[in-house]
Amino acid sequence: MEKVVTDQQIEILLNDLLEKYGYDFTGYTRASLKRRINRLFSLDKFPSFAEFRFRLRTDERYFARFIEEITVNVTEMFRDAGFFKTLKEEVLPVLATYPFIRIWHAGCSTGEEVYSTAIFLKEANLLHKSLLYATDLNPAVVSRAAKGMFPLHHLKQYSQNYHQAGGTAEFSSYYTAAYDHVIFSEELRSRMVFSTHNLVSESSFNQFQLVMCRNVLIYFDKELQGKVFALIDESLDPLGFLALGSKESMKMFPIVSRYRQVGKEKIWRKVT
């Protein structure tokens, strides 16, 4: 019979991670977390849970692999074209009224969304006065995102998404092809700051006019979502914007009374 990590053992692991590394996964939804931990346990062929646990506690390189495998990094450029169209038409004209624009991509994964936003900022002639902070729990994906390199075979889909979202330029003008990858322009990358940041345990680090936290909260339980909303609220300027993923909402949290939704997309503006 195939060995699996039990619910009780997962709680032991989560306590280990908090105690040894300060990473708090206790508020993550258990079903998806259990599935990803068991996938890694099977993939790396551990003969027992005890050895899996020992390796995690004593080998920091293996811990880095663990973080990379269990955090979800599924993204694409201009994902949800309707969202980016609303961002372009409803949010950027407001941001244009600020002398300087600070945007936080919380849970940026491999960076596709950050580059998408930067492209629309450039087309609105706002990139030169913008700074995009891109953070994620996972150091490996932050490092990849900072390089601005993406597989060439994804670009056809990204280009279609871009034009559906209202992009007006030649999409290929933003990158240079190199073998089986493309690299996005230095002009875009020069306006980005990449860093690791733990939404669960770390505090606010700046004031922003726009916070993008899309498709991150769906992996958190309600209590943890509430903590993240409080952190984001603290980080947002008065009249700032918060963007969530299509399956996420702030409607069940008291904080919603201080926000109003922008159109039909999951974009909220702080009003009080």
C-alpha atoms as a PDB file:
ATOM      1  CA  MET A   1       0.000   0.000   0.000  1.00  0.00           C
ATOM      2  CA  GLU A   2       1.318   3.467  -0.929  1.00  0.00           C
ATOM      3  CA  LYS A   3       2.535   5.509   2.042  1.00  0.00           C
ATOM      4  CA  VAL A   4       0.825   8.846   2.619  1.00  0.00           C
ATOM      5  CA  VAL A   5       1.374  11.663   5.081  1.00  0.00           C
ATOM      6  CA  THR A   6      -1.578  11.657   7.482  1.00  0.00           C
ATOM      7  CA  ASP A   7      -3.534  14.673   8.726  1.00  0.00           C
ATOM      8  CA  GLN A   8      -1.863  14.372  12.128  1.00  0.00           C
ATOM      9  CA  GLN A   9       1.604  14.226  10.548  1.00  0.00           C
ATOM     10  CA  ILE A  10       0.850  17.308   8.451  1.00  0.00           C
ATOM     11  CA  GLU A  11       0.098  19.253  11.643  1.00  0.00           C
ATOM     12  CA  ILE A  12       3.467  18.095  13.043  1.00  0.00           C
ATOM     13  CA  LEU A  13       5.202  19.304   9.853  1.00  0.00           C
ATOM     14  CA  LEU A  14       3.468  22.685   9.954  1.00  0.00           C
ATOM     15  CA  ASN A  15       4.548  23.193  13.561  1.00  0.00           C
ATOM     16  CA  ASP A  16       8.118  22.231  12.588  1.00  0.00           C
ATOM     17  CA  LEU A  17       8.149  24.784   9.758  1.00  0.00           C
ATOM     18  CA  LEU A  18       6.914  27.517  12.074  1.00  0.00           C
ATOM     19  CA  GLU A  19       9.344  26.638  14.863  1.00  0.00           C
ATOM     20  CA  LYS A  20      12.445  26.074  12.689  1.00  0.00           C
ATOM     21  CA  TYR A  21      12.006  28.520   9.813  1.00  0.00           C
ATOM     22  CA  GLY A  22       9.274  30.943  10.889  1.00  0.00           C
ATOM     23  CA  TYR A  23       7.034  29.955   7.974  1.00  0.00           C
ATOM     24  CA  ASP A  24       3.418  29.776   9.097  1.00  0.00           C
ATOM     25  CA  PHE A  25       1.271  27.522   6.913  1.00  0.00           C
ATOM     26  CA  THR A  26      -1.239  26.740   9.667  1.00  0.00           C
ATOM     27  CA  GLY A  27      -3.900  28.950   8.083  1.00  0.00           C
ATOM     28  CA  TYR A  28      -3.653  27.349   4.639  1.00  0.00           C
ATOM     29  CA  THR A  29      -6.590  25.221   3.506  1.00  0.00           C
ATOM     30  CA  ARG A  30      -5.731  21.639   4.348  1.00  0.00           C
ATOM     31  CA  ALA A  31      -7.031  19.795   1.278  1.00  0.00           C
ATOM     32  CA  SER A  32      -4.724  21.432  -1.266  1.00  0.00           C
ATOM     33  CA  LEU A  33      -1.803  21.528   1.197  1.00  0.00           C
ATOM     34  CA  LYS A  34      -2.157  17.805   1.953  1.00  0.00           C
ATOM     35  CA  ARG A  35      -2.313  16.980  -1.754  1.00  0.00           C
ATOM     36  CA  ARG A  36       0.885  18.889  -2.541  1.00  0.00           C
ATOM     37  CA  ILE A  37       2.810  17.540   0.476  1.00  0.00           C
ATOM     38  CA  ASN A  38       1.881  13.967  -0.423  1.00  0.00           C
ATOM     39  CA  ARG A  39       2.892  14.569  -4.024  1.00  0.00           C
ATOM     40  CA  LEU A  40       6.363  15.667  -2.871  1.00  0.00           C
ATOM     41  CA  PHE A  41       6.624  12.800  -0.353  1.00  0.00           C
ATOM     42  CA  SER A  42       5.905  10.334  -3.164  1.00  0.00           C
ATOM     43  CA  LEU A  43       8.050  12.124  -5.766  1.00  0.00           C
ATOM     44  CA  ASP A  44      11.146  12.100  -3.557  1.00  0.00           C
ATOM     45  CA  LYS A  45      10.549   8.475  -2.490  1.00  0.00           C
ATOM     46  CA  PHE A  46      10.878   8.840   1.259  1.00  0.00           C
ATOM     47  CA  PRO A  47      10.645   5.454   3.007  1.00  0.00           C
ATOM     48  CA  SER A  48       8.958   6.981   6.064  1.00  0.00           C
ATOM     49  CA  PHE A  49       7.443  10.156   7.424  1.00  0.00           C
ATOM     50  CA  ALA A  50      10.207  10.316  10.068  1.00  0.00           C
ATOM     51  CA  GLU A  51      12.879  10.618   7.363  1.00  0.00           C
ATOM     52  CA  PHE A  52      10.840  13.209   5.459  1.00  0.00           C
ATOM     53  CA  ARG A  53      10.458  15.252   8.630  1.00  0.00           C
ATOM     54  CA  PHE A  54      14.158  14.911   9.552  1.00  0.00           C
ATOM     55  CA  ARG A  55      15.249  16.040   6.080  1.00  0.00           C
ATOM     56  CA  LEU A  56      12.996  19.093   6.255  1.00  0.00           C
ATOM     57  CA  ARG A  57      14.259  20.085   9.694  1.00  0.00           C
ATOM     58  CA  THR A  58      17.979  19.637   8.948  1.00  0.00           C
ATOM     59  CA  ASP A  59      18.491  20.432   5.260  1.00  0.00           C
ATOM     60  CA  GLU A  60      17.816  24.054   4.301  1.00  0.00           C
ATOM     61  CA  ARG A  61      18.271  23.306   0.599  1.00  0.00           C
ATOM     62  CA  TYR A  62      15.580  20.655   0.813  1.00  0.00           C
ATOM     63  CA  PHE A  63      13.371  23.083   2.700  1.00  0.00           C
ATOM     64  CA  ALA A  64      13.736  25.498  -0.260  1.00  0.00           C
ATOM     65  CA  ARG A  65      12.598  22.699  -2.581  1.00  0.00           C
ATOM     66  CA  PHE A  66       9.664  22.000  -0.270  1.00  0.00           C
ATOM     67  CA  ILE A  67       8.559  25.650  -0.396  1.00  0.00           C
ATOM     68  CA  GLU A  68       8.838  25.698  -4.191  1.00  0.00           C
ATOM     69  CA  GLU A  69       6.758  22.534  -4.550  1.00  0.00           C
ATOM     70  CA  ILE A  70       3.948  23.293  -2.133  1.00  0.00           C
ATOM     71  CA  THR A  71       3.338  26.930  -3.019  1.00  0.00           C
ATOM     72  CA  VAL A  72       1.107  27.300  -6.054  1.00  0.00           C
ATOM     73  CA  ASN A  73       2.685  29.081  -9.027  1.00  0.00           C
ATOM     74  CA  VAL A  74       0.110  28.927 -11.804  1.00  0.00           C
ATOM     75  CA  THR A  75      -0.103  32.206 -13.700  1.00  0.00           C
ATOM     76  CA  GLU A  76       0.042  33.769 -17.150  1.00  0.00           C
ATOM     77  CA  MET A  77       0.375  37.231 -18.656  1.00  0.00           C
ATOM     78  CA  PHE A  78      -2.849  39.273 -18.876  1.00  0.00           C
ATOM     79  CA  ARG A  79      -4.734  36.443 -17.177  1.00  0.00           C
ATOM     80  CA  ASP A  80      -8.464  37.277 -17.176  1.00  0.00           C
ATOM     81  CA  ALA A  81      -8.542  39.790 -20.014  1.00  0.00           C
ATOM     82  CA  GLY A  82     -11.664  41.494 -18.628  1.00  0.00           C
ATOM     83  CA  PHE A  83      -9.817  42.280 -15.412  1.00  0.00           C
ATOM     84  CA  PHE A  84      -6.879  43.881 -17.231  1.00  0.00           C
ATOM     85  CA  LYS A  85      -9.237  45.824 -19.490  1.00  0.00           C
ATOM     86  CA  THR A  86     -10.902  47.315 -16.401  1.00  0.00           C
ATOM     87  CA  LEU A  87      -7.500  48.019 -14.875  1.00  0.00           C
ATOM     88  CA  LYS A  88      -6.478  49.862 -18.039  1.00  0.00           C
ATOM     89  CA  GLU A  89      -9.711  51.837 -18.473  1.00  0.00           C
ATOM     90  CA  GLU A  90     -10.893  52.484 -14.890  1.00  0.00           C
ATOM     91  CA  VAL A  91      -7.879  52.343 -12.579  1.00  0.00           C
ATOM     92  CA  LEU A  92      -4.875  53.657 -14.509  1.00  0.00           C
ATOM     93  CA  PRO A  93      -6.554  57.001 -15.408  1.00  0.00           C
ATOM     94  CA  VAL A  94      -7.035  57.601 -11.652  1.00  0.00           C
ATOM     95  CA  LEU A  95      -3.459  56.576 -10.849  1.00  0.00           C
ATOM     96  CA  ALA A  96      -2.315  59.030 -13.536  1.00  0.00           C
ATOM     97  CA  THR A  97      -3.368  61.892 -11.238  1.00  0.00           C
ATOM     98  CA  TYR A  98      -0.687  60.950  -8.665  1.00  0.00           C
ATOM     99  CA  PRO A  99       2.824  62.442  -8.881  1.00  0.00           C
ATOM    100  CA  PHE A 100       4.289  58.995  -8.168  1.00  0.00           C
ATOM    101  CA  ILE A 101       2.644  55.565  -8.317  1.00  0.00           C
ATOM    102  CA  ARG A 102       3.502  52.644  -6.047  1.00  0.00           C
ATOM    103  CA  ILE A 103       1.997  49.243  -6.842  1.00  0.00           C
ATOM    104  CA  TRP A 104       2.354  46.055  -4.784  1.00  0.00           C
ATOM    105  CA  HIS A 105       1.976  42.643  -6.435  1.00  0.00           C
ATOM    106  CA  ALA A 106       1.523  40.442  -3.344  1.00  0.00           C
ATOM    107  CA  GLY A 107       2.090  36.794  -4.177  1.00  0.00           C
ATOM    108  CA  CYS A 108       3.690  37.631  -7.522  1.00  0.00           C
ATOM    109  CA  SER A 109       4.718  34.039  -8.351  1.00  0.00           C
ATOM    110  CA  THR A 110       6.943  33.966 -11.465  1.00  0.00           C
ATOM    111  CA  GLY A 111       6.075  37.557 -12.379  1.00  0.00           C
ATOM    112  CA  GLU A 112       3.793  37.342 -15.413  1.00  0.00           C
ATOM    113  CA  GLU A 113       1.226  39.656 -13.816  1.00  0.00           C
ATOM    114  CA  VAL A 114       3.883  42.219 -12.850  1.00  0.00           C
ATOM    115  CA  TYR A 115       5.130  42.483 -16.434  1.00  0.00           C
ATOM    116  CA  SER A 116       1.537  42.718 -17.689  1.00  0.00           C
ATOM    117  CA  THR A 117       0.864  45.688 -15.404  1.00  0.00           C
ATOM    118  CA  ALA A 118       4.135  47.359 -16.394  1.00  0.00           C
ATOM    119  CA  ILE A 119       3.236  47.074 -20.091  1.00  0.00           C
ATOM    120  CA  PHE A 120      -0.102  48.814 -19.552  1.00  0.00           C
ATOM    121  CA  LEU A 121       1.601  51.481 -17.427  1.00  0.00           C
ATOM    122  CA  LYS A 122       4.001  52.135 -20.301  1.00  0.00           C
ATOM    123  CA  GLU A 123       1.135  52.393 -22.799  1.00  0.00           C
ATOM    124  CA  ALA A 124      -0.570  54.911 -20.504  1.00  0.00           C
ATOM    125  CA  ASN A 125       2.724  56.874 -20.286  1.00  0.00           C
ATOM    126  CA  LEU A 126       2.890  56.187 -16.549  1.00  0.00           C
ATOM    127  CA  LEU A 127       5.761  53.713 -16.260  1.00  0.00           C
ATOM    128  CA  HIS A 128       8.409  56.400 -15.776  1.00  0.00           C
ATOM    129  CA  LYS A 129       6.702  57.582 -12.575  1.00  0.00           C
ATOM    130  CA  SER A 130       5.781  54.131 -11.242  1.00  0.00           C
ATOM    131  CA  LEU A 131       7.476  51.572  -9.030  1.00  0.00           C
ATOM    132  CA  LEU A 132       6.174  48.001  -8.912  1.00  0.00           C
ATOM    133  CA  TYR A 133       7.006  46.001  -5.788  1.00  0.00           C
ATOM    134  CA  ALA A 134       6.671  42.259  -6.451  1.00  0.00           C
ATOM    135  CA  THR A 135       6.799  39.871  -3.494  1.00  0.00           C
ATOM    136  CA  ASP A 136       6.263  36.192  -2.867  1.00  0.00           C
ATOM    137  CA  LEU A 137       6.867  33.695  -0.082  1.00  0.00           C
ATOM    138  CA  ASN A 138       8.882  31.495  -2.447  1.00  0.00           C
ATOM    139  CA  PRO A 139      12.462  32.786  -3.044  1.00  0.00           C
ATOM    140  CA  ALA A 140      12.951  30.619  -6.146  1.00  0.00           C
ATOM    141  CA  VAL A 141      10.013  32.126  -8.047  1.00  0.00           C
ATOM    142  CA  VAL A 142      10.985  35.664  -6.990  1.00  0.00           C
ATOM    143  CA  SER A 143      14.434  35.071  -8.457  1.00  0.00           C
ATOM    144  CA  ARG A 144      12.922  33.788 -11.709  1.00  0.00           C
ATOM    145  CA  ALA A 145      10.503  36.710 -11.930  1.00  0.00           C
ATOM    146  CA  ALA A 146      13.304  39.262 -11.532  1.00  0.00           C
ATOM    147  CA  LYS A 147      15.030  37.910 -14.655  1.00  0.00           C
ATOM    148  CA  GLY A 148      12.011  38.647 -16.871  1.00  0.00           C
ATOM    149  CA  MET A 149      12.513  35.421 -18.830  1.00  0.00           C
ATOM    150  CA  PHE A 150       9.585  33.303 -19.983  1.00  0.00           C
ATOM    151  CA  PRO A 151       9.288  30.216 -22.210  1.00  0.00           C
ATOM    152  CA  LEU A 152       8.808  31.137 -25.861  1.00  0.00           C
ATOM    153  CA  HIS A 153       5.982  28.630 -26.333  1.00  0.00           C
ATOM    154  CA  HIS A 154       3.782  30.617 -23.894  1.00  0.00           C
ATOM    155  CA  LEU A 155       4.021  33.842 -25.879  1.00  0.00           C
ATOM    156  CA  LYS A 156       1.306  33.087 -28.427  1.00  0.00           C
ATOM    157  CA  GLN A 157      -1.242  32.757 -25.609  1.00  0.00           C
ATOM    158  CA  TYR A 158       0.145  35.791 -23.789  1.00  0.00           C
ATOM    159  CA  SER A 159      -0.103  37.865 -26.974  1.00  0.00           C
ATOM    160  CA  GLN A 160      -3.753  36.836 -27.458  1.00  0.00           C
ATOM    161  CA  ASN A 161      -4.525  37.732 -23.828  1.00  0.00           C
ATOM    162  CA  TYR A 162      -2.799  41.100 -24.263  1.00  0.00           C
ATOM    163  CA  HIS A 163      -4.864  42.093 -27.301  1.00  0.00           C
ATOM    164  CA  GLN A 164      -8.118  40.847 -25.708  1.00  0.00           C
ATOM    165  CA  ALA A 165      -7.330  43.052 -22.688  1.00  0.00           C
ATOM    166  CA  GLY A 166      -7.023  46.111 -24.935  1.00  0.00           C
ATOM    167  CA  GLY A 167      -3.304  46.169 -25.700  1.00  0.00           C
ATOM    168  CA  THR A 168      -2.587  48.308 -28.750  1.00  0.00           C
ATOM    169  CA  ALA A 169       1.104  47.781 -29.590  1.00  0.00           C
ATOM    170  CA  GLU A 170       2.990  44.908 -31.181  1.00  0.00           C
ATOM    171  CA  PHE A 171       3.368  42.595 -28.200  1.00  0.00           C
ATOM    172  CA  SER A 172       6.738  41.413 -29.527  1.00  0.00           C
ATOM    173  CA  SER A 173       8.106  44.953 -29.120  1.00  0.00           C
ATOM    174  CA  TYR A 174       8.322  44.352 -25.363  1.00  0.00           C
ATOM    175  CA  TYR A 175      10.717  41.403 -25.433  1.00  0.00           C
ATOM    176  CA  THR A 176      13.687  39.856 -27.205  1.00  0.00           C
ATOM    177  CA  ALA A 177      13.676  36.192 -28.213  1.00  0.00           C
ATOM    178  CA  ALA A 178      16.682  34.054 -27.214  1.00  0.00           C
ATOM    179  CA  TYR A 179      16.526  30.365 -28.194  1.00  0.00           C
ATOM    180  CA  ASP A 180      13.516  28.844 -26.398  1.00  0.00           C
ATOM    181  CA  HIS A 181      12.932  31.838 -24.094  1.00  0.00           C
ATOM    182  CA  VAL A 182      12.146  35.525 -24.311  1.00  0.00           C
ATOM    183  CA  ILE A 183      13.419  38.270 -22.052  1.00  0.00           C
ATOM    184  CA  PHE A 184      11.341  41.360 -21.353  1.00  0.00           C
ATOM    185  CA  SER A 185      12.879  44.784 -21.815  1.00  0.00           C
ATOM    186  CA  GLU A 186      15.167  46.492 -19.340  1.00  0.00           C
ATOM    187  CA  GLU A 187      12.813  49.489 -19.431  1.00  0.00           C
ATOM    188  CA  LEU A 188      10.088  47.371 -17.811  1.00  0.00           C
ATOM    189  CA  ARG A 189      12.418  45.590 -15.390  1.00  0.00           C
ATOM    190  CA  SER A 190      14.023  48.843 -14.223  1.00  0.00           C
ATOM    191  CA  ARG A 191      10.729  49.903 -12.609  1.00  0.00           C
ATOM    192  CA  MET A 192      10.372  46.696 -10.555  1.00  0.00           C
ATOM    193  CA  VAL A 193      11.586  45.723  -7.080  1.00  0.00           C
ATOM    194  CA  PHE A 194      11.477  41.983  -6.298  1.00  0.00           C
ATOM    195  CA  SER A 195      11.657  40.608  -2.769  1.00  0.00           C
ATOM    196  CA  THR A 196      10.486  37.734  -0.571  1.00  0.00           C
ATOM    197  CA  HIS A 197       7.654  38.646   1.780  1.00  0.00           C
ATOM    198  CA  ASN A 198       5.429  36.461   3.936  1.00  0.00           C
ATOM    199  CA  LEU A 199       1.850  37.766   3.893  1.00  0.00           C
ATOM    200  CA  VAL A 200       1.084  35.646   6.938  1.00  0.00           C
ATOM    201  CA  SER A 201       3.761  36.840   9.353  1.00  0.00           C
ATOM    202  CA  GLU A 202       5.385  40.023   8.019  1.00  0.00           C
ATOM    203  CA  SER A 203       4.148  43.584   8.309  1.00  0.00           C
ATOM    204  CA  SER A 204       3.344  46.350   5.857  1.00  0.00           C
ATOM    205  CA  PHE A 205       6.439  47.898   4.274  1.00  0.00           C
ATOM    206  CA  ASN A 206       5.126  50.859   2.242  1.00  0.00           C
ATOM    207  CA  GLN A 207       2.049  52.830   1.207  1.00  0.00           C
ATOM    208  CA  PHE A 208       0.562  51.886  -2.161  1.00  0.00           C
ATOM    209  CA  GLN A 209      -2.022  53.270  -4.555  1.00  0.00           C
ATOM    210  CA  LEU A 210      -2.742  49.781  -5.930  1.00  0.00           C
ATOM    211  CA  VAL A 211      -2.339  46.348  -4.356  1.00  0.00           C
ATOM    212  CA  MET A 212      -2.709  43.290  -6.588  1.00  0.00           C
ATOM    213  CA  CYS A 213      -3.304  40.145  -4.526  1.00  0.00           C
ATOM    214  CA  ARG A 214      -4.919  37.818  -7.062  1.00  0.00           C
ATOM    215  CA  ASN A 215      -5.471  34.084  -6.625  1.00  0.00           C
ATOM    216  CA  VAL A 216      -3.549  33.963  -3.358  1.00  0.00           C
ATOM    217  CA  LEU A 217      -6.317  34.127  -0.751  1.00  0.00           C
ATOM    218  CA  ILE A 218      -8.170  31.085  -2.141  1.00  0.00           C
ATOM    219  CA  TYR A 219      -5.502  28.926  -0.461  1.00  0.00           C
ATOM    220  CA  PHE A 220      -6.037  30.524   2.982  1.00  0.00           C
ATOM    221  CA  ASP A 221      -8.718  29.837   5.580  1.00  0.00           C
ATOM    222  CA  LYS A 222     -11.073  32.643   6.603  1.00  0.00           C
ATOM    223  CA  GLU A 223      -9.087  33.711   9.673  1.00  0.00           C
ATOM    224  CA  LEU A 224      -5.889  34.057   7.641  1.00  0.00           C
ATOM    225  CA  GLN A 225      -7.729  35.889   4.855  1.00  0.00           C
ATOM    226  CA  GLY A 226      -8.897  38.389   7.468  1.00  0.00           C
ATOM    227  CA  LYS A 227      -5.299  38.977   8.602  1.00  0.00           C
ATOM    228  CA  VAL A 228      -4.151  39.528   5.015  1.00  0.00           C
ATOM    229  CA  PHE A 229      -6.981  41.977   4.333  1.00  0.00           C
ATOM    230  CA  ALA A 230      -5.958  43.925   7.464  1.00  0.00           C
ATOM    231  CA  LEU A 231      -2.341  44.035   6.229  1.00  0.00           C
ATOM    232  CA  ILE A 232      -3.389  45.193   2.763  1.00  0.00           C
ATOM    233  CA  ASP A 233      -5.746  47.814   4.213  1.00  0.00           C
ATOM    234  CA  GLU A 234      -2.869  49.171   6.295  1.00  0.00           C
ATOM    235  CA  SER A 235      -0.704  49.288   3.150  1.00  0.00           C
ATOM    236  CA  LEU A 236      -3.223  51.081   0.936  1.00  0.00           C
ATOM    237  CA  ASP A 237      -3.394  54.855   0.594  1.00  0.00           C
ATOM    238  CA  PRO A 238      -6.804  56.483   1.098  1.00  0.00           C
ATOM    239  CA  LEU A 239      -8.661  56.067  -2.224  1.00  0.00           C
ATOM    240  CA  GLY A 240      -6.240  53.282  -3.230  1.00  0.00           C
ATOM    241  CA  PHE A 241      -7.290  50.186  -5.169  1.00  0.00           C
ATOM    242  CA  LEU A 242      -7.230  46.496  -4.237  1.00  0.00           C
ATOM    243  CA  ALA A 243      -7.407  43.820  -6.951  1.00  0.00           C
ATOM    244  CA  LEU A 244      -8.406  40.237  -6.114  1.00  0.00           C
ATOM    245  CA  GLY A 245      -8.715  37.039  -8.137  1.00  0.00           C
ATOM    246  CA  SER A 246     -11.948  36.014  -9.840  1.00  0.00           C
ATOM    247  CA  LYS A 247     -12.891  33.533  -7.075  1.00  0.00           C
ATOM    248  CA  GLU A 248     -11.964  35.828  -4.192  1.00  0.00           C
ATOM    249  CA  SER A 249     -14.044  38.391  -2.327  1.00  0.00           C
ATOM    250  CA  MET A 250     -13.879  40.682   0.677  1.00  0.00           C
ATOM    251  CA  LYS A 251     -17.664  40.825   1.065  1.00  0.00           C
ATOM    252  CA  MET A 252     -17.773  38.597   4.163  1.00  0.00           C
ATOM    253  CA  PHE A 253     -15.274  40.743   6.078  1.00  0.00           C
ATOM    254  CA  PRO A 254     -16.101  43.889   8.115  1.00  0.00           C
ATOM    255  CA  ILE A 255     -13.422  45.786   6.177  1.00  0.00           C
ATOM    256  CA  VAL A 256     -15.706  45.808   3.125  1.00  0.00           C
ATOM    257  CA  SER A 257     -17.673  48.748   4.562  1.00  0.00           C
ATOM    258  CA  ARG A 258     -14.713  50.991   3.731  1.00  0.00           C
ATOM    259  CA  TYR A 259     -14.499  49.894   0.088  1.00  0.00           C
ATOM    260  CA  ARG A 260     -16.619  50.016  -3.036  1.00  0.00           C
ATOM    261  CA  GLN A 261     -16.362  47.702  -6.011  1.00  0.00           C
ATOM    262  CA  VAL A 262     -15.190  49.091  -9.361  1.00  0.00           C
ATOM    263  CA  GLY A 263     -17.432  47.728 -12.117  1.00  0.00           C
ATOM    264  CA  LYS A 264     -17.990  43.973 -12.305  1.00  0.00           C
ATOM    265  CA  GLU A 265     -14.382  42.932 -11.792  1.00  0.00           C
ATOM    266  CA  LYS A 266     -12.827  42.064  -8.417  1.00  0.00           C
ATOM    267  CA  ILE A 267     -11.336  45.509  -7.991  1.00  0.00           C
ATOM    268  CA  TRP A 268     -12.175  47.510  -4.872  1.00  0.00           C
ATOM    269  CA  ARG A 269     -11.493  51.150  -4.033  1.00  0.00           C
ATOM    270  CA  LYS A 270     -10.839  52.329  -0.506  1.00  0.00           C
ATOM    271  CA  VAL A 271     -13.274  55.146   0.209  1.00  0.00           C
ATOM    272  CA  THR A 272     -12.896  55.814   3.958  1.00  0.00           C
END
